[in-house]
N, C-alpha and C. Protein backbone atom coordinates (compact mmCIF):
# COMPACT_ATOMS: atom_id res chain seq x y z
N MET A 1 0.85 34.80 48.83
CA MET A 1 0.00 33.80 48.23
C MET A 1 0.00 32.42 48.79
N GLN A 2 -1.06 31.57 49.10
CA GLN A 2 -0.98 30.08 49.38
C GLN A 2 -1.47 29.76 48.46
N SER A 3 -0.67 28.45 48.18
CA SER A 3 -0.96 27.45 46.96
C SER A 3 -2.07 26.50 48.08
N ILE A 4 -2.99 26.24 46.99
CA ILE A 4 -3.90 25.24 47.56
C ILE A 4 -3.03 23.49 47.19
N PRO A 5 -2.98 22.78 47.79
CA PRO A 5 -2.52 21.26 48.15
C PRO A 5 -3.13 20.40 46.56
N GLY A 6 -4.39 20.57 47.22
CA GLY A 6 -5.16 19.60 46.37
C GLY A 6 -5.47 20.08 44.96
N ARG A 7 -5.47 21.38 44.77
CA ARG A 7 -5.49 22.07 43.46
C ARG A 7 -4.25 21.87 42.91
N SER A 8 -3.16 21.85 43.21
CA SER A 8 -1.86 21.81 42.59
C SER A 8 -1.91 20.71 42.06
N ALA A 9 -2.11 19.43 43.10
CA ALA A 9 -2.08 18.05 42.72
C ALA A 9 -3.20 17.67 41.72
N ALA A 10 -4.21 18.28 41.55
CA ALA A 10 -5.06 17.67 40.41
C ALA A 10 -4.88 18.59 39.27
N LEU A 11 -4.18 19.83 38.68
CA LEU A 11 -3.65 20.32 37.90
C LEU A 11 -2.33 19.67 37.47
N GLY A 12 -1.71 19.42 38.14
CA GLY A 12 -0.34 18.16 37.82
C GLY A 12 -0.82 16.80 37.19
N ALA A 13 -1.70 16.07 38.16
CA ALA A 13 -2.30 14.88 37.44
C ALA A 13 -2.92 15.36 35.92
N GLY A 14 -3.67 16.44 35.81
CA GLY A 14 -4.42 16.58 34.70
C GLY A 14 -3.22 16.69 33.77
N ALA A 15 -2.37 17.29 33.65
CA ALA A 15 -1.18 18.06 32.80
C ALA A 15 -0.32 16.85 32.39
N LEU A 16 -0.29 15.82 33.43
CA LEU A 16 0.10 14.33 33.15
C LEU A 16 -0.85 13.57 32.33
N ALA A 17 -2.15 13.48 32.59
CA ALA A 17 -2.59 12.86 31.52
C ALA A 17 -3.10 13.05 30.54
N VAL A 18 -2.81 14.55 29.94
CA VAL A 18 -2.96 15.39 28.90
C VAL A 18 -1.59 14.81 27.99
N THR A 19 -0.49 14.92 28.85
CA THR A 19 0.83 14.68 28.18
C THR A 19 0.55 13.25 27.37
N PHE A 20 0.19 12.41 28.19
CA PHE A 20 0.24 10.61 27.99
C PHE A 20 -0.90 10.67 26.69
N LEU A 21 -2.04 11.20 26.83
CA LEU A 21 -3.01 11.18 25.67
C LEU A 21 -2.22 11.44 24.58
N VAL A 22 -1.70 12.74 24.60
CA VAL A 22 -1.20 13.68 23.15
C VAL A 22 0.08 12.69 22.58
N THR A 23 0.67 12.07 23.59
CA THR A 23 2.17 11.46 23.19
C THR A 23 1.54 10.02 22.73
N GLY A 24 0.37 9.44 22.65
CA GLY A 24 -0.08 8.32 22.51
C GLY A 24 -0.90 8.35 21.37
N CYS A 25 -1.04 9.61 20.70
CA CYS A 25 -1.61 9.57 19.56
C CYS A 25 -0.71 9.34 18.21
N VAL A 26 -1.03 8.49 17.34
CA VAL A 26 0.02 8.19 16.53
C VAL A 26 -0.93 8.22 15.20
N VAL A 27 -0.37 8.75 14.15
CA VAL A 27 -1.37 8.53 13.25
C VAL A 27 -0.36 7.57 11.83
N ALA A 28 -0.95 6.61 11.44
CA ALA A 28 0.00 5.83 10.27
C ALA A 28 -1.04 5.91 9.38
N PRO A 29 -0.12 5.62 8.08
CA PRO A 29 -1.00 5.97 6.77
C PRO A 29 -1.57 4.64 6.70
N ALA A 30 -2.88 4.79 6.14
CA ALA A 30 -3.50 3.18 6.01
C ALA A 30 -3.02 2.87 4.41
N GLU A 31 -3.22 1.27 4.55
CA GLU A 31 -2.71 0.61 3.33
C GLU A 31 -3.62 0.78 2.12
N PRO A 32 -3.06 1.27 0.97
CA PRO A 32 -4.06 1.61 0.33
C PRO A 32 -4.91 0.17 -0.24
N TYR A 33 -6.13 0.46 -0.78
CA TYR A 33 -7.27 -0.81 -1.21
C TYR A 33 -6.44 -1.43 -2.21
N ALA A 34 -6.13 -0.71 -3.16
CA ALA A 34 -5.55 -1.56 -4.70
C ALA A 34 -3.97 -1.00 -5.08
N TYR A 35 -3.38 -1.65 -5.39
CA TYR A 35 -1.76 -1.32 -5.89
C TYR A 35 -2.26 -0.71 -7.48
N GLY A 36 -3.34 -0.74 -7.84
CA GLY A 36 -3.65 -0.53 -9.23
C GLY A 36 -5.30 -0.35 -9.30
N ASN A 37 -5.48 0.32 -10.44
CA ASN A 37 -7.00 0.79 -10.46
C ASN A 37 -7.31 -0.37 -11.77
N PRO A 38 -8.11 -1.08 -11.22
CA PRO A 38 -8.86 -2.11 -12.70
C PRO A 38 -9.47 -1.42 -13.46
N ALA A 39 -10.30 -0.20 -13.31
CA ALA A 39 -10.99 0.59 -14.03
C ALA A 39 -10.19 1.12 -15.12
N ALA A 40 -8.81 1.70 -14.77
CA ALA A 40 -8.28 2.53 -16.00
C ALA A 40 -7.95 1.49 -16.91
N VAL A 41 -7.86 2.39 -18.05
CA VAL A 41 -7.41 1.72 -19.37
C VAL A 41 -6.22 2.56 -19.93
N VAL A 42 -5.15 1.72 -20.08
CA VAL A 42 -3.55 2.27 -20.45
C VAL A 42 -3.37 1.82 -21.78
N VAL A 43 -3.14 2.44 -22.97
CA VAL A 43 -2.72 1.95 -24.07
C VAL A 43 -1.43 2.50 -24.33
N SER A 44 -0.66 1.56 -25.22
CA SER A 44 0.62 2.22 -25.49
C SER A 44 0.92 1.51 -26.87
N ALA A 45 1.57 2.63 -27.80
CA ALA A 45 1.68 2.00 -29.15
C ALA A 45 2.95 0.98 -29.13
N GLU A 46 3.82 1.05 -28.24
CA GLU A 46 5.20 -0.08 -28.25
C GLU A 46 4.72 -0.92 -27.04
N ALA A 47 5.28 -2.18 -27.21
CA ALA A 47 5.34 -3.41 -26.30
C ALA A 47 5.96 -2.88 -24.99
N PRO A 48 5.57 -3.77 -24.26
CA PRO A 48 6.43 -3.40 -22.95
C PRO A 48 7.64 -4.04 -23.02
N PRO A 49 8.61 -3.85 -22.45
CA PRO A 49 9.93 -4.68 -22.01
C PRO A 49 9.70 -5.88 -21.48
N PRO A 50 10.71 -6.71 -21.60
CA PRO A 50 10.14 -8.01 -21.31
C PRO A 50 10.65 -7.96 -19.36
N LEU A 51 9.75 -8.74 -18.93
CA LEU A 51 9.57 -8.71 -17.48
C LEU A 51 11.26 -8.73 -16.85
N ARG A 52 11.41 -8.38 -15.74
CA ARG A 52 12.56 -8.47 -15.25
C ARG A 52 12.71 -9.57 -14.20
N TYR A 53 13.74 -10.23 -13.97
CA TYR A 53 13.75 -11.42 -13.07
C TYR A 53 13.92 -10.70 -11.68
N GLU A 54 12.61 -11.18 -10.65
CA GLU A 54 12.69 -10.79 -9.71
C GLU A 54 12.27 -11.51 -8.57
N PRO A 55 12.90 -12.44 -7.84
CA PRO A 55 12.35 -13.27 -7.38
C PRO A 55 12.20 -13.03 -6.13
N ALA A 56 10.93 -13.82 -5.52
CA ALA A 56 10.10 -13.64 -4.20
C ALA A 56 11.16 -13.89 -2.94
N PRO A 57 11.15 -12.95 -2.17
CA PRO A 57 12.12 -13.05 -0.95
C PRO A 57 12.20 -14.61 -0.28
N VAL A 58 12.97 -15.23 -0.19
CA VAL A 58 12.92 -16.47 0.60
C VAL A 58 12.27 -16.38 2.04
N ALA A 59 12.36 -15.43 2.54
CA ALA A 59 12.14 -14.76 4.08
C ALA A 59 10.28 -15.29 3.93
N VAL A 60 10.03 -15.20 5.41
CA VAL A 60 8.78 -15.22 5.43
C VAL A 60 8.04 -13.94 5.20
N ALA A 61 7.01 -14.04 4.89
CA ALA A 61 6.43 -12.44 4.74
C ALA A 61 6.26 -11.91 6.37
N PRO A 62 6.57 -10.68 6.03
CA PRO A 62 6.39 -9.77 7.21
C PRO A 62 5.38 -10.03 8.30
N MET A 63 4.11 -10.48 7.78
CA MET A 63 2.89 -10.82 8.54
C MET A 63 2.40 -11.94 7.70
N ALA A 64 1.48 -12.60 8.52
CA ALA A 64 1.09 -13.81 8.26
C ALA A 64 -0.09 -13.59 6.91
N THR A 65 -0.70 -12.67 6.96
CA THR A 65 -1.64 -12.09 5.97
C THR A 65 -1.42 -11.67 4.95
N GLN A 66 0.06 -11.40 4.46
CA GLN A 66 0.75 -10.79 3.34
C GLN A 66 0.85 -11.68 2.43
N VAL A 67 0.60 -11.28 1.12
CA VAL A 67 1.23 -12.00 0.14
C VAL A 67 2.31 -11.20 -0.66
N TRP A 68 3.25 -11.90 -1.82
CA TRP A 68 3.96 -11.58 -2.43
C TRP A 68 3.58 -11.10 -3.76
N ILE A 69 3.58 -9.75 -4.06
CA ILE A 69 3.09 -9.20 -5.12
C ILE A 69 4.32 -8.83 -6.19
N GLY A 70 4.56 -9.36 -7.44
CA GLY A 70 5.97 -9.50 -8.10
C GLY A 70 5.76 -8.14 -8.94
N GLY A 71 6.87 -7.64 -9.17
CA GLY A 71 7.18 -6.65 -10.00
C GLY A 71 6.59 -6.62 -11.41
N PHE A 72 6.32 -5.29 -11.85
CA PHE A 72 5.64 -5.46 -13.43
C PHE A 72 5.97 -3.92 -14.01
N TRP A 73 5.66 -3.98 -15.31
CA TRP A 73 5.84 -2.84 -16.17
C TRP A 73 4.71 -1.83 -15.97
N ASP A 74 4.87 -0.88 -15.48
CA ASP A 74 3.48 0.26 -15.57
C ASP A 74 3.97 1.40 -16.66
N TRP A 75 2.81 2.01 -16.80
CA TRP A 75 2.84 3.30 -17.87
C TRP A 75 2.69 4.56 -17.17
N SER A 76 3.66 5.43 -17.06
CA SER A 76 3.71 6.45 -16.39
C SER A 76 4.67 7.58 -17.19
N GLY A 77 3.96 8.52 -17.51
CA GLY A 77 4.91 9.92 -18.17
C GLY A 77 5.22 9.52 -19.67
N GLY A 78 4.35 8.62 -20.17
CA GLY A 78 4.57 8.36 -21.59
C GLY A 78 5.71 7.45 -21.86
N ARG A 79 5.99 6.80 -20.61
CA ARG A 79 7.22 5.55 -20.84
C ARG A 79 6.84 4.59 -19.90
N TYR A 80 7.43 3.36 -20.05
CA TYR A 80 7.31 2.06 -19.14
C TYR A 80 8.03 2.36 -18.18
N VAL A 81 7.47 2.00 -16.92
CA VAL A 81 8.35 2.41 -15.74
C VAL A 81 8.20 0.95 -14.92
N TRP A 82 9.31 0.46 -14.44
CA TRP A 82 9.40 -0.94 -13.41
C TRP A 82 9.00 -0.59 -12.18
N ARG A 83 8.22 -1.39 -11.71
CA ARG A 83 7.61 -1.30 -10.23
C ARG A 83 7.85 -2.51 -9.60
N GLU A 84 8.62 -2.38 -8.53
CA GLU A 84 9.23 -3.61 -7.69
C GLU A 84 8.35 -4.51 -7.05
N GLY A 85 8.53 -5.32 -6.95
CA GLY A 85 7.24 -6.46 -6.21
C GLY A 85 7.76 -6.06 -4.64
N ARG A 86 6.52 -6.45 -3.95
CA ARG A 86 6.09 -6.24 -2.49
C ARG A 86 5.61 -6.82 -1.76
N TRP A 87 5.62 -6.90 -0.42
CA TRP A 87 4.42 -7.90 0.26
C TRP A 87 3.45 -6.99 0.41
N ALA A 88 2.01 -7.38 0.58
CA ALA A 88 0.98 -6.58 0.74
C ALA A 88 -0.17 -7.38 1.52
N ALA A 89 -0.94 -7.20 2.10
CA ALA A 89 -2.04 -7.56 2.70
C ALA A 89 -3.04 -7.28 1.93
N PRO A 90 -4.07 -8.40 1.72
CA PRO A 90 -5.22 -8.12 0.96
C PRO A 90 -6.12 -7.36 2.06
N PRO A 91 -6.93 -6.27 1.14
CA PRO A 91 -8.03 -5.32 2.00
C PRO A 91 -8.98 -5.68 2.75
N HIS A 92 -9.39 -7.38 2.02
CA HIS A 92 -10.58 -8.29 2.71
C HIS A 92 -9.76 -9.52 2.64
N HIS A 93 -10.36 -10.06 3.78
CA HIS A 93 -9.85 -11.27 3.94
C HIS A 93 -10.69 -12.44 2.62
N GLY A 94 -9.48 -13.23 2.09
CA GLY A 94 -9.80 -14.21 1.06
C GLY A 94 -9.74 -13.16 -0.23
N ASP A 95 -9.32 -11.75 -0.34
CA ASP A 95 -9.05 -11.34 -1.59
C ASP A 95 -8.00 -11.61 -2.17
N ARG A 96 -8.01 -11.77 -3.60
CA ARG A 96 -6.68 -12.54 -4.36
C ARG A 96 -6.22 -11.35 -5.30
N TRP A 97 -4.87 -11.17 -5.62
CA TRP A 97 -4.21 -10.37 -6.32
C TRP A 97 -4.10 -10.72 -7.80
N VAL A 98 -4.57 -9.80 -8.76
CA VAL A 98 -4.82 -10.04 -10.29
C VAL A 98 -3.53 -9.40 -10.63
N PRO A 99 -2.41 -10.12 -11.10
CA PRO A 99 -1.43 -9.63 -11.60
C PRO A 99 -1.27 -8.73 -12.89
N ARG A 100 -0.33 -7.69 -12.96
CA ARG A 100 -0.70 -7.09 -13.76
C ARG A 100 -0.06 -7.77 -15.51
N GLU A 101 -0.92 -7.52 -16.56
CA GLU A 101 -0.03 -8.03 -17.82
C GLU A 101 -0.35 -7.14 -18.86
N TRP A 102 0.23 -7.02 -20.13
CA TRP A 102 0.07 -6.30 -21.39
C TRP A 102 -0.59 -7.24 -22.08
N VAL A 103 -1.43 -6.77 -22.70
CA VAL A 103 -2.40 -7.71 -23.70
C VAL A 103 -2.43 -6.48 -24.88
N ARG A 104 -1.99 -7.26 -26.08
CA ARG A 104 -1.98 -6.38 -27.50
C ARG A 104 -3.50 -6.44 -28.02
N GLY A 105 -4.14 -5.48 -28.26
CA GLY A 105 -5.18 -5.01 -28.76
C GLY A 105 -5.33 -4.38 -29.79
N PRO A 106 -6.19 -3.92 -30.39
CA PRO A 106 -6.70 -3.45 -31.90
C PRO A 106 -5.80 -1.81 -31.61
N HIS A 107 -5.97 -1.35 -30.77
CA HIS A 107 -5.13 0.06 -30.62
C HIS A 107 -3.94 0.40 -29.95
N GLY A 108 -3.18 -1.02 -29.91
CA GLY A 108 -2.15 -1.14 -28.88
C GLY A 108 -1.90 -1.81 -27.88
N TRP A 109 -0.94 -1.62 -27.01
CA TRP A 109 -0.62 -2.29 -25.94
C TRP A 109 -1.61 -2.29 -24.69
N GLN A 110 -2.47 -3.28 -24.15
CA GLN A 110 -3.30 -2.55 -22.87
C GLN A 110 -2.89 -3.12 -21.68
N ALA A 111 -2.76 -2.47 -20.50
CA ALA A 111 -2.51 -3.09 -19.26
C ALA A 111 -3.78 -3.37 -18.50
N ARG A 112 -3.60 -4.85 -18.07
CA ARG A 112 -5.12 -5.17 -17.50
C ARG A 112 -4.24 -5.93 -15.71
N GLY A 113 -5.05 -5.54 -15.01
CA GLY A 113 -4.82 -6.24 -13.69
C GLY A 113 -3.87 -5.09 -12.81
N GLY A 114 -3.36 -6.13 -12.19
CA GLY A 114 -2.50 -5.19 -10.86
C GLY A 114 -3.57 -4.47 -9.97
N HIS A 115 -4.50 -5.31 -9.56
CA HIS A 115 -5.73 -4.87 -8.37
C HIS A 115 -5.90 -5.98 -7.99
N TRP A 116 -6.39 -5.74 -6.44
CA TRP A 116 -7.09 -6.61 -5.71
C TRP A 116 -8.30 -7.24 -6.29
N GLU A 117 -8.89 -8.25 -6.24
CA GLU A 117 -10.62 -8.81 -6.46
C GLU A 117 -11.15 -9.67 -5.47
N ARG A 118 -12.17 -8.97 -5.45
CA ARG A 118 -12.84 -9.78 -4.10
C ARG A 118 -13.23 -11.01 -4.62
N ARG A 119 -13.29 -12.19 -3.62
CA ARG A 119 -13.75 -13.37 -3.99
C ARG A 119 -15.15 -13.53 -3.32
C-alpha cells in the first residue's frame, strides 16, 4: 500500500493544529463579584471579638486595579470566624469596597457591609 505524501502532510498539520488548540485552552476561575452578600442578614446574640491587627502589606498591589480589603469577623457555623485581608479588584471600574462591620440592633449583633458598591 502506498502512502500519499500530500495526505500525510495534511493529517500531520491537522494533528499539530489540534494539539496547539487544545493545549492553548486554559480555564481560570472568575473573580467573584462580591466578597460578601449585601442582602444577607446575619444576627448574633453575642458581640464579635475585637478586630485583629492586620496591617496592609507594604508591597504594591499585585495589579494596579486591586485594593486591599482588610480582614473581618464573619459568622459561619454558629460562631465568629476571622476572614483574612486580601487584595481584590473591583468588579467594575470605580466600584468601592464597603467594609464589614457589626452593629448592635434590637435582635442582637448584625453584620453589615463586606461587599462591592457601584458608584
